[in-house]
Amino acid sequence: MTSPQTTPDTPETVTPDTDRTGPAGSGAATTDPGTVAEATSQCCSAHAATGEHGYTKHKEAHVKRLRRIEGQIRGLQRMVDEDVYCIDILTQVSASTKALQSFALQLLEEHLRHCVAHAALDGGAEMDAKVEEATAAIARLLRT
């Protein structure tokens, strides 16, 4: 196992081969550049064969969707700044949470169709690893 990675602009750390969460079990996934590069290099044989991740074909739509979700989160900040009624803020939190969950499920489906399916065709240890990886990702999604 390798040591945790961190960058100056993100104090969160990620230890490869472990649950990828932010500080103190916050559940926030890290996105530091070292982790992204490492994840890319450890991706899968499907990525090596095609040069694409499962989400690549829908990347533009995913980015657009994430920008909408980002707007929802910024809206939450404005609501708090403007002293909006608590229940109204909670309603918006719920909508934002559902939007992120929906995005995560779409990304998971694309991962299963691309990376896991390719590994299943190859069989062996990579198939077992990809199924285990997907199972762990599903478990993390269920905890949220």
C-alpha atoms as a PDB file:
ATOM      1  CA  MET A   1       0.000   0.000   0.000  1.00  0.00           C
ATOM      2  CA  THR A   2       1.204   3.507  -0.758  1.00  0.00           C
ATOM      3  CA  SER A   3       1.119   6.522   1.492  1.00  0.00           C
ATOM      4  CA  PRO A   4      -1.750   9.039   1.471  1.00  0.00           C
ATOM      5  CA  GLN A   5      -1.556  11.800  -1.096  1.00  0.00           C
ATOM      6  CA  THR A   6      -2.314  15.465  -0.607  1.00  0.00           C
ATOM      7  CA  THR A   7      -1.882  18.687  -2.535  1.00  0.00           C
ATOM      8  CA  PRO A   8      -1.443  22.237  -1.278  1.00  0.00           C
ATOM      9  CA  ASP A   9      -4.882  23.338  -2.467  1.00  0.00           C
ATOM     10  CA  THR A  10      -6.783  20.389  -1.014  1.00  0.00           C
ATOM     11  CA  PRO A  11      -6.060  19.335   2.574  1.00  0.00           C
ATOM     12  CA  GLU A  12      -7.999  16.092   2.153  1.00  0.00           C
ATOM     13  CA  THR A  13      -6.047  12.899   1.663  1.00  0.00           C
ATOM     14  CA  VAL A  14      -6.732   9.706  -0.216  1.00  0.00           C
ATOM     15  CA  THR A  15      -5.095   6.419   0.492  1.00  0.00           C
ATOM     16  CA  PRO A  16      -5.196   4.180  -2.578  1.00  0.00           C
ATOM     17  CA  ASP A  17      -7.048   0.894  -2.181  1.00  0.00           C
ATOM     18  CA  THR A  18      -9.191   2.292   0.634  1.00  0.00           C
ATOM     19  CA  ASP A  19     -12.507   4.067   0.979  1.00  0.00           C
ATOM     20  CA  ARG A  20     -11.946   7.370  -0.818  1.00  0.00           C
ATOM     21  CA  THR A  21     -13.456   9.878   1.570  1.00  0.00           C
ATOM     22  CA  GLY A  22     -12.446  13.266   2.823  1.00  0.00           C
ATOM     23  CA  PRO A  23     -11.360  14.273   6.302  1.00  0.00           C
ATOM     24  CA  ALA A  24     -12.726  12.555   9.395  1.00  0.00           C
ATOM     25  CA  GLY A  25     -15.075  10.263   7.504  1.00  0.00           C
ATOM     26  CA  SER A  26     -17.014  13.176   6.069  1.00  0.00           C
ATOM     27  CA  GLY A  27     -18.033  11.064   3.106  1.00  0.00           C
ATOM     28  CA  ALA A  28     -16.785  13.755   0.730  1.00  0.00           C
ATOM     29  CA  ALA A  29     -14.812  12.228  -2.088  1.00  0.00           C
ATOM     30  CA  THR A  30     -11.498  13.833  -2.812  1.00  0.00           C
ATOM     31  CA  THR A  31     -10.577  15.230  -6.183  1.00  0.00           C
ATOM     32  CA  ASP A  32      -6.937  16.191  -5.882  1.00  0.00           C
ATOM     33  CA  PRO A  33      -4.908  15.892  -9.097  1.00  0.00           C
ATOM     34  CA  GLY A  34      -2.619  13.147  -7.755  1.00  0.00           C
ATOM     35  CA  THR A  35      -5.612  10.959  -7.038  1.00  0.00           C
ATOM     36  CA  VAL A  36      -7.135  11.542 -10.469  1.00  0.00           C
ATOM     37  CA  ALA A  37      -3.896  10.623 -12.227  1.00  0.00           C
ATOM     38  CA  GLU A  38      -3.510   7.559 -10.044  1.00  0.00           C
ATOM     39  CA  ALA A  39      -7.090   6.454 -10.651  1.00  0.00           C
ATOM     40  CA  THR A  40      -6.598   6.844 -14.397  1.00  0.00           C
ATOM     41  CA  SER A  41      -3.458   4.718 -14.356  1.00  0.00           C
ATOM     42  CA  GLN A  42      -5.242   2.003 -12.347  1.00  0.00           C
ATOM     43  CA  CYS A  43      -8.448   2.135 -14.360  1.00  0.00           C
ATOM     44  CA  CYS A  44      -9.087  -1.027 -16.354  1.00  0.00           C
ATOM     45  CA  SER A  45      -8.251  -2.980 -19.462  1.00  0.00           C
ATOM     46  CA  ALA A  46     -11.334  -1.472 -21.162  1.00  0.00           C
ATOM     47  CA  HIS A  47      -9.760   1.971 -20.784  1.00  0.00           C
ATOM     48  CA  ALA A  48      -6.438   0.662 -22.020  1.00  0.00           C
ATOM     49  CA  ALA A  49      -8.126  -0.946 -25.051  1.00  0.00           C
ATOM     50  CA  THR A  50     -10.442   1.919 -26.034  1.00  0.00           C
ATOM     51  CA  GLY A  51      -8.810   4.967 -24.479  1.00  0.00           C
ATOM     52  CA  GLU A  52     -12.195   5.837 -22.974  1.00  0.00           C
ATOM     53  CA  HIS A  53     -13.850   5.650 -19.597  1.00  0.00           C
ATOM     54  CA  GLY A  54     -17.434   4.443 -19.342  1.00  0.00           C
ATOM     55  CA  TYR A  55     -18.686   8.028 -19.127  1.00  0.00           C
ATOM     56  CA  THR A  56     -16.595   9.408 -22.007  1.00  0.00           C
ATOM     57  CA  LYS A  57     -19.353   9.228 -24.636  1.00  0.00           C
ATOM     58  CA  HIS A  58     -21.651  11.304 -22.398  1.00  0.00           C
ATOM     59  CA  LYS A  59     -18.992  13.569 -20.913  1.00  0.00           C
ATOM     60  CA  GLU A  60     -20.496  16.820 -22.215  1.00  0.00           C
ATOM     61  CA  ALA A  61     -23.937  15.956 -20.808  1.00  0.00           C
ATOM     62  CA  HIS A  62     -22.384  14.967 -17.473  1.00  0.00           C
ATOM     63  CA  VAL A  63     -20.472  18.235 -17.193  1.00  0.00           C
ATOM     64  CA  LYS A  64     -23.650  20.170 -18.019  1.00  0.00           C
ATOM     65  CA  ARG A  65     -25.549  18.221 -15.367  1.00  0.00           C
ATOM     66  CA  LEU A  66     -22.837  18.816 -12.768  1.00  0.00           C
ATOM     67  CA  ARG A  67     -22.900  22.535 -13.522  1.00  0.00           C
ATOM     68  CA  ARG A  68     -26.660  22.554 -12.843  1.00  0.00           C
ATOM     69  CA  ILE A  69     -26.038  20.775  -9.528  1.00  0.00           C
ATOM     70  CA  GLU A  70     -23.301  23.281  -8.720  1.00  0.00           C
ATOM     71  CA  GLY A  71     -25.852  26.026  -9.352  1.00  0.00           C
ATOM     72  CA  GLN A  72     -28.229  24.350  -6.913  1.00  0.00           C
ATOM     73  CA  ILE A  73     -25.517  24.314  -4.253  1.00  0.00           C
ATOM     74  CA  ARG A  74     -24.702  27.976  -4.874  1.00  0.00           C
ATOM     75  CA  GLY A  75     -28.439  28.640  -4.554  1.00  0.00           C
ATOM     76  CA  LEU A  76     -28.327  27.008  -1.130  1.00  0.00           C
ATOM     77  CA  GLN A  77     -25.534  29.363  -0.112  1.00  0.00           C
ATOM     78  CA  ARG A  78     -27.602  32.343  -1.267  1.00  0.00           C
ATOM     79  CA  MET A  79     -30.627  31.059   0.622  1.00  0.00           C
ATOM     80  CA  VAL A  80     -28.636  30.910   3.851  1.00  0.00           C
ATOM     81  CA  ASP A  81     -27.095  34.341   3.197  1.00  0.00           C
ATOM     82  CA  GLU A  82     -30.592  35.758   2.627  1.00  0.00           C
ATOM     83  CA  ASP A  83     -32.024  34.117   5.775  1.00  0.00           C
ATOM     84  CA  VAL A  84     -34.585  32.021   3.902  1.00  0.00           C
ATOM     85  CA  TYR A  85     -36.949  29.847   5.968  1.00  0.00           C
ATOM     86  CA  CYS A  86     -35.289  26.605   7.187  1.00  0.00           C
ATOM     87  CA  ILE A  87     -37.805  24.250   5.577  1.00  0.00           C
ATOM     88  CA  ASP A  88     -37.351  25.905   2.193  1.00  0.00           C
ATOM     89  CA  ILE A  89     -33.584  25.396   2.460  1.00  0.00           C
ATOM     90  CA  LEU A  90     -34.058  21.762   3.499  1.00  0.00           C
ATOM     91  CA  THR A  91     -36.313  21.207   0.485  1.00  0.00           C
ATOM     92  CA  GLN A  92     -33.557  22.521  -1.765  1.00  0.00           C
ATOM     93  CA  VAL A  93     -30.952  20.355   0.036  1.00  0.00           C
ATOM     94  CA  SER A  94     -33.127  17.330  -0.698  1.00  0.00           C
ATOM     95  CA  ALA A  95     -33.393  18.266  -4.376  1.00  0.00           C
ATOM     96  CA  SER A  96     -29.616  18.746  -4.613  1.00  0.00           C
ATOM     97  CA  THR A  97     -28.964  15.438  -2.893  1.00  0.00           C
ATOM     98  CA  LYS A  98     -31.318  13.610  -5.255  1.00  0.00           C
ATOM     99  CA  ALA A  99     -29.644  15.239  -8.256  1.00  0.00           C
ATOM    100  CA  LEU A 100     -26.227  14.017  -7.093  1.00  0.00           C
ATOM    101  CA  GLN A 101     -27.588  10.539  -6.386  1.00  0.00           C
ATOM    102  CA  SER A 102     -29.121  10.387  -9.837  1.00  0.00           C
ATOM    103  CA  PHE A 103     -25.822  11.448 -11.399  1.00  0.00           C
ATOM    104  CA  ALA A 104     -23.971   8.814  -9.371  1.00  0.00           C
ATOM    105  CA  LEU A 105     -26.345   6.073 -10.519  1.00  0.00           C
ATOM    106  CA  GLN A 106     -25.871   7.075 -14.161  1.00  0.00           C
ATOM    107  CA  LEU A 107     -22.094   7.032 -13.739  1.00  0.00           C
ATOM    108  CA  LEU A 108     -22.295   3.649 -12.005  1.00  0.00           C
ATOM    109  CA  GLU A 109     -24.387   2.226 -14.843  1.00  0.00           C
ATOM    110  CA  GLU A 110     -21.846   3.438 -17.384  1.00  0.00           C
ATOM    111  CA  HIS A 111     -19.026   1.921 -15.318  1.00  0.00           C
ATOM    112  CA  LEU A 112     -20.824  -1.416 -15.184  1.00  0.00           C
ATOM    113  CA  ARG A 113     -21.547  -1.406 -18.918  1.00  0.00           C
ATOM    114  CA  HIS A 114     -18.011  -0.420 -19.865  1.00  0.00           C
ATOM    115  CA  CYS A 115     -15.359  -1.393 -17.330  1.00  0.00           C
ATOM    116  CA  VAL A 116     -17.056  -4.278 -15.548  1.00  0.00           C
ATOM    117  CA  ALA A 117     -18.497  -5.772 -18.735  1.00  0.00           C
ATOM    118  CA  HIS A 118     -15.093  -5.625 -20.436  1.00  0.00           C
ATOM    119  CA  ALA A 119     -13.456  -7.262 -17.415  1.00  0.00           C
ATOM    120  CA  ALA A 120     -16.144  -9.961 -17.403  1.00  0.00           C
ATOM    121  CA  LEU A 121     -15.300 -10.797 -21.022  1.00  0.00           C
ATOM    122  CA  ASP A 122     -11.622 -11.102 -20.089  1.00  0.00           C
ATOM    123  CA  GLY A 123     -12.443 -13.068 -16.928  1.00  0.00           C
ATOM    124  CA  GLY A 124      -9.927 -13.896 -14.249  1.00  0.00           C
ATOM    125  CA  ALA A 125      -8.575 -11.640 -11.552  1.00  0.00           C
ATOM    126  CA  GLU A 126      -9.531  -8.366 -13.243  1.00  0.00           C
ATOM    127  CA  MET A 127     -13.180  -9.463 -13.402  1.00  0.00           C
ATOM    128  CA  ASP A 128     -13.159 -10.286  -9.700  1.00  0.00           C
ATOM    129  CA  ALA A 129     -11.470  -6.980  -8.898  1.00  0.00           C
ATOM    130  CA  LYS A 130     -13.956  -4.949 -10.966  1.00  0.00           C
ATOM    131  CA  VAL A 131     -16.957  -6.682  -9.416  1.00  0.00           C
ATOM    132  CA  GLU A 132     -15.522  -6.062  -5.946  1.00  0.00           C
ATOM    133  CA  GLU A 133     -14.788  -2.429  -6.822  1.00  0.00           C
ATOM    134  CA  ALA A 134     -18.335  -1.890  -8.136  1.00  0.00           C
ATOM    135  CA  THR A 135     -19.814  -3.568  -5.060  1.00  0.00           C
ATOM    136  CA  ALA A 136     -17.814  -1.244  -2.791  1.00  0.00           C
ATOM    137  CA  ALA A 137     -18.968   1.787  -4.811  1.00  0.00           C
ATOM    138  CA  ILE A 138     -22.597   0.661  -4.464  1.00  0.00           C
ATOM    139  CA  ALA A 139     -22.113   0.210  -0.722  1.00  0.00           C
ATOM    140  CA  ARG A 140     -20.753   3.772  -0.447  1.00  0.00           C
ATOM    141  CA  LEU A 141     -23.741   5.093  -2.393  1.00  0.00           C
ATOM    142  CA  LEU A 142     -26.130   3.246  -0.120  1.00  0.00           C
ATOM    143  CA  ARG A 143     -24.517   4.768   2.985  1.00  0.00           C
ATOM    144  CA  THR A 144     -25.258   8.287   1.772  1.00  0.00           C
END
